[in-house]
């Protein structure tokens, strides 16, 4: 079954592009069928229906109906393996 992942940052441009690429590579490397959608944090609420996971580079302004993971580790390079595992664990539920 295909997963839908929303990757969000403040403006939907710079940091989310980095994270989007990391998440796309992660799902590919782990043979997970997933659609990765890049968006602005302000768009997440309207796009969350049908999505399985939010991966954000910024603090989330609200609670969502689906799990959300803060992915600053992909930007800083700190604890990236743990972040990979957290995302995989969520997608494999």
N, C-alpha and C. Protein backbone atom coordinates (compact mmCIF):
# COMPACT_ATOMS: atom_id res chain seq x y z
N UNK A 1 0.83 -1.18 0.00
CA UNK A 1 0.00 0.00 0.00
C UNK A 1 0.88 1.25 0.00
N UNK A 2 0.59 2.18 -0.86
CA UNK A 2 1.40 3.38 -0.98
C UNK A 2 1.18 4.33 0.19
N UNK A 3 2.26 4.93 0.64
CA UNK A 3 2.22 5.91 1.73
C UNK A 3 2.30 7.31 1.14
N UNK A 4 1.73 8.28 1.85
CA UNK A 4 1.79 9.67 1.42
C UNK A 4 2.45 10.46 2.54
N UNK A 5 3.56 11.12 2.20
CA UNK A 5 4.35 11.87 3.18
C UNK A 5 4.37 13.34 2.78
N UNK A 6 4.00 14.20 3.71
CA UNK A 6 4.08 15.64 3.49
C UNK A 6 5.38 16.14 4.10
N UNK A 7 6.20 16.83 3.29
CA UNK A 7 7.44 17.43 3.78
C UNK A 7 7.23 18.93 3.77
N UNK A 8 7.32 19.54 4.95
CA UNK A 8 6.98 20.96 5.06
C UNK A 8 8.08 21.78 5.72
N UNK A 9 8.20 23.02 5.25
CA UNK A 9 9.04 24.01 5.93
C UNK A 9 8.30 25.33 5.89
N UNK A 10 8.87 26.34 6.49
CA UNK A 10 8.21 27.64 6.58
C UNK A 10 7.73 28.18 5.24
N UNK A 11 8.62 28.18 4.25
CA UNK A 11 8.27 28.75 2.95
C UNK A 11 8.02 27.69 1.87
N UNK A 12 8.33 26.44 2.16
CA UNK A 12 8.12 25.38 1.17
C UNK A 12 9.19 25.34 0.10
N UNK A 13 10.35 25.96 0.37
CA UNK A 13 11.38 26.02 -0.67
C UNK A 13 12.70 25.38 -0.21
N UNK A 14 13.50 26.11 0.53
CA UNK A 14 14.88 25.71 0.79
C UNK A 14 15.03 24.44 1.63
N UNK A 15 14.73 24.52 2.91
CA UNK A 15 15.01 23.37 3.77
C UNK A 15 14.15 22.17 3.42
N UNK A 16 12.92 22.41 2.96
CA UNK A 16 12.07 21.26 2.64
C UNK A 16 12.60 20.52 1.41
N UNK A 17 13.32 21.22 0.54
CA UNK A 17 13.91 20.55 -0.63
C UNK A 17 14.97 19.55 -0.17
N UNK A 18 15.80 19.97 0.78
CA UNK A 18 16.84 19.09 1.33
C UNK A 18 16.18 17.87 1.98
N UNK A 19 15.19 18.13 2.84
CA UNK A 19 14.51 17.06 3.56
C UNK A 19 13.73 16.17 2.60
N UNK A 20 13.09 16.76 1.62
CA UNK A 20 12.34 16.01 0.61
C UNK A 20 13.25 15.00 -0.08
N UNK A 21 14.43 15.44 -0.49
CA UNK A 21 15.39 14.55 -1.15
C UNK A 21 15.82 13.41 -0.22
N UNK A 22 16.05 13.72 1.06
CA UNK A 22 16.46 12.71 2.03
C UNK A 22 15.35 11.67 2.24
N UNK A 23 14.11 12.14 2.38
CA UNK A 23 12.99 11.24 2.61
C UNK A 23 12.74 10.37 1.36
N UNK A 24 12.82 10.98 0.18
CA UNK A 24 12.65 10.21 -1.06
C UNK A 24 13.70 9.11 -1.17
N UNK A 25 14.94 9.42 -0.83
CA UNK A 25 16.02 8.43 -0.87
C UNK A 25 15.80 7.35 0.19
N UNK A 26 15.34 7.76 1.37
CA UNK A 26 15.10 6.82 2.46
C UNK A 26 14.03 5.80 2.08
N UNK A 27 12.91 6.26 1.53
CA UNK A 27 11.85 5.31 1.18
C UNK A 27 12.28 4.41 0.02
N UNK A 28 13.05 4.98 -0.91
CA UNK A 28 13.55 4.19 -2.04
C UNK A 28 14.50 3.10 -1.56
N UNK A 29 15.44 3.48 -0.68
CA UNK A 29 16.42 2.53 -0.15
C UNK A 29 15.77 1.41 0.66
N UNK A 30 14.58 1.67 1.20
CA UNK A 30 13.90 0.70 2.04
C UNK A 30 12.69 0.07 1.35
N UNK A 31 12.63 0.25 0.03
CA UNK A 31 11.57 -0.35 -0.79
C UNK A 31 10.17 -0.03 -0.27
N UNK A 32 9.97 1.21 0.14
CA UNK A 32 8.65 1.65 0.58
C UNK A 32 8.02 2.45 -0.56
N UNK A 33 6.82 2.03 -0.94
CA UNK A 33 6.10 2.74 -1.99
C UNK A 33 5.49 3.98 -1.36
N UNK A 34 6.03 5.16 -1.68
CA UNK A 34 5.56 6.38 -1.05
C UNK A 34 5.60 7.56 -2.01
N UNK A 35 4.62 8.43 -1.83
CA UNK A 35 4.58 9.69 -2.55
C UNK A 35 5.03 10.76 -1.56
N UNK A 36 6.05 11.53 -1.94
CA UNK A 36 6.58 12.58 -1.06
C UNK A 36 6.16 13.92 -1.64
N UNK A 37 5.42 14.69 -0.85
CA UNK A 37 4.88 15.96 -1.32
C UNK A 37 5.49 17.10 -0.53
N UNK A 38 6.10 18.03 -1.24
CA UNK A 38 6.74 19.19 -0.61
C UNK A 38 5.71 20.32 -0.51
N UNK A 39 5.63 20.96 0.66
CA UNK A 39 4.67 22.05 0.82
C UNK A 39 5.11 23.03 1.91
N UNK A 40 4.35 24.12 2.02
CA UNK A 40 4.58 25.09 3.09
C UNK A 40 3.87 24.59 4.34
N UNK A 41 4.38 24.95 5.49
CA UNK A 41 3.77 24.51 6.75
C UNK A 41 2.30 24.97 6.82
N UNK A 42 2.01 26.12 6.24
CA UNK A 42 0.63 26.64 6.25
C UNK A 42 -0.32 25.78 5.43
N UNK A 43 0.21 24.98 4.50
CA UNK A 43 -0.62 24.14 3.64
C UNK A 43 -0.90 22.75 4.22
N UNK A 44 -0.17 22.39 5.26
CA UNK A 44 -0.25 21.02 5.78
C UNK A 44 -1.67 20.65 6.23
N UNK A 45 -2.33 21.55 6.94
CA UNK A 45 -3.65 21.24 7.48
C UNK A 45 -4.62 20.85 6.35
N UNK A 46 -4.56 21.57 5.24
CA UNK A 46 -5.47 21.28 4.12
C UNK A 46 -5.03 20.05 3.31
N UNK A 47 -3.77 19.66 3.43
CA UNK A 47 -3.26 18.52 2.65
C UNK A 47 -3.16 17.22 3.44
N UNK A 48 -3.43 17.28 4.75
CA UNK A 48 -3.19 16.11 5.60
C UNK A 48 -4.14 14.94 5.33
N UNK A 49 -5.31 15.22 4.78
CA UNK A 49 -6.25 14.12 4.53
C UNK A 49 -5.66 13.14 3.52
N UNK A 50 -5.63 11.88 3.90
CA UNK A 50 -5.06 10.86 3.02
C UNK A 50 -3.56 10.69 3.17
N UNK A 51 -2.94 11.58 3.93
CA UNK A 51 -1.49 11.47 4.14
C UNK A 51 -1.22 10.60 5.37
N UNK A 52 -0.04 10.01 5.42
CA UNK A 52 0.32 9.11 6.51
C UNK A 52 1.28 9.74 7.51
N UNK A 53 2.03 10.76 7.07
CA UNK A 53 3.08 11.31 7.92
C UNK A 53 3.43 12.72 7.47
N UNK A 54 3.73 13.57 8.47
CA UNK A 54 4.26 14.91 8.20
C UNK A 54 5.72 14.91 8.64
N UNK A 55 6.60 15.36 7.77
CA UNK A 55 8.01 15.54 8.13
C UNK A 55 8.27 17.03 7.95
N UNK A 56 8.60 17.70 9.06
CA UNK A 56 8.71 19.15 9.03
C UNK A 56 10.10 19.62 9.46
N UNK A 57 10.52 20.75 8.90
CA UNK A 57 11.81 21.33 9.29
C UNK A 57 11.59 22.45 10.30
N UNK A 58 10.35 22.72 10.64
CA UNK A 58 10.04 23.81 11.55
C UNK A 58 9.07 23.33 12.62
N UNK A 59 8.96 24.08 13.68
CA UNK A 59 8.01 23.74 14.74
C UNK A 59 6.60 23.82 14.15
N UNK A 60 5.81 22.82 14.43
CA UNK A 60 4.45 22.79 13.87
C UNK A 60 3.54 23.73 14.64
N UNK A 61 2.78 24.56 13.91
CA UNK A 61 1.95 25.57 14.58
C UNK A 61 0.68 25.01 15.23
N UNK A 62 0.35 23.77 14.94
CA UNK A 62 -0.88 23.20 15.45
C UNK A 62 -0.75 21.68 15.55
N UNK A 63 -1.75 21.03 16.05
CA UNK A 63 -1.78 19.55 16.08
C UNK A 63 -2.46 19.08 14.79
N UNK A 64 -2.04 17.94 14.31
CA UNK A 64 -2.61 17.38 13.10
C UNK A 64 -3.22 16.02 13.39
N UNK A 65 -3.97 15.51 12.44
CA UNK A 65 -4.65 14.22 12.60
C UNK A 65 -3.72 13.04 12.34
N UNK A 66 -2.54 13.33 11.83
CA UNK A 66 -1.58 12.28 11.48
C UNK A 66 -0.26 12.54 12.22
N UNK A 67 0.59 11.53 12.36
CA UNK A 67 1.87 11.73 13.06
C UNK A 67 2.76 12.76 12.36
N UNK A 68 3.52 13.48 13.16
CA UNK A 68 4.44 14.49 12.62
C UNK A 68 5.82 14.31 13.26
N UNK A 69 6.84 14.41 12.43
CA UNK A 69 8.22 14.28 12.89
C UNK A 69 8.97 15.56 12.50
N UNK A 70 9.68 16.13 13.46
CA UNK A 70 10.52 17.30 13.18
C UNK A 70 11.86 16.78 12.67
N UNK A 71 12.26 17.23 11.48
CA UNK A 71 13.43 16.65 10.80
C UNK A 71 14.60 17.62 10.69
N UNK A 72 14.83 18.40 11.73
CA UNK A 72 15.97 19.33 11.68
C UNK A 72 17.30 18.59 11.59
N UNK A 73 17.33 17.32 12.01
CA UNK A 73 18.55 16.52 11.91
C UNK A 73 19.08 16.43 10.49
N UNK A 74 18.18 16.44 9.51
CA UNK A 74 18.62 16.38 8.11
C UNK A 74 19.29 17.68 7.69
N UNK A 75 18.96 18.77 8.35
CA UNK A 75 19.56 20.07 8.04
C UNK A 75 20.90 20.21 8.77
N UNK A 76 20.90 19.81 10.06
CA UNK A 76 22.10 19.98 10.88
C UNK A 76 23.11 18.85 10.69
N UNK A 77 22.62 17.69 10.22
CA UNK A 77 23.48 16.53 10.07
C UNK A 77 23.66 15.76 11.38
N UNK A 78 22.90 16.13 12.41
CA UNK A 78 23.00 15.49 13.72
C UNK A 78 21.90 14.45 13.88
N UNK A 79 22.28 13.26 14.32
CA UNK A 79 21.32 12.16 14.57
C UNK A 79 20.49 11.77 13.35
N UNK A 80 21.09 11.81 12.18
CA UNK A 80 20.35 11.48 10.96
C UNK A 80 19.88 10.03 10.93
N UNK A 81 20.71 9.11 11.42
CA UNK A 81 20.33 7.68 11.43
C UNK A 81 19.11 7.46 12.32
N UNK A 82 19.08 8.12 13.48
CA UNK A 82 17.95 8.00 14.40
C UNK A 82 16.69 8.57 13.75
N UNK A 83 16.86 9.67 13.03
CA UNK A 83 15.74 10.29 12.33
C UNK A 83 15.22 9.37 11.22
N UNK A 84 16.14 8.78 10.46
CA UNK A 84 15.76 7.80 9.43
C UNK A 84 14.90 6.70 10.07
N UNK A 85 15.37 6.17 11.21
CA UNK A 85 14.67 5.07 11.86
C UNK A 85 13.30 5.48 12.35
N UNK A 86 13.20 6.69 12.87
CA UNK A 86 11.92 7.21 13.37
C UNK A 86 10.90 7.29 12.23
N UNK A 87 11.35 7.78 11.08
CA UNK A 87 10.47 7.88 9.91
C UNK A 87 10.07 6.49 9.43
N UNK A 88 11.04 5.59 9.34
CA UNK A 88 10.74 4.21 8.90
C UNK A 88 9.77 3.51 9.85
N UNK A 89 9.98 3.69 11.15
CA UNK A 89 9.10 3.09 12.15
C UNK A 89 7.67 3.57 11.95
N UNK A 90 7.52 4.85 11.69
CA UNK A 90 6.18 5.43 11.52
C UNK A 90 5.53 4.89 10.24
N UNK A 91 6.31 4.78 9.18
CA UNK A 91 5.76 4.30 7.90
C UNK A 91 5.44 2.81 7.92
N UNK A 92 6.11 2.06 8.77
CA UNK A 92 5.90 0.61 8.83
C UNK A 92 4.82 0.19 9.83
N UNK A 93 4.13 1.15 10.41
CA UNK A 93 3.06 0.82 11.38
C UNK A 93 1.86 0.22 10.68
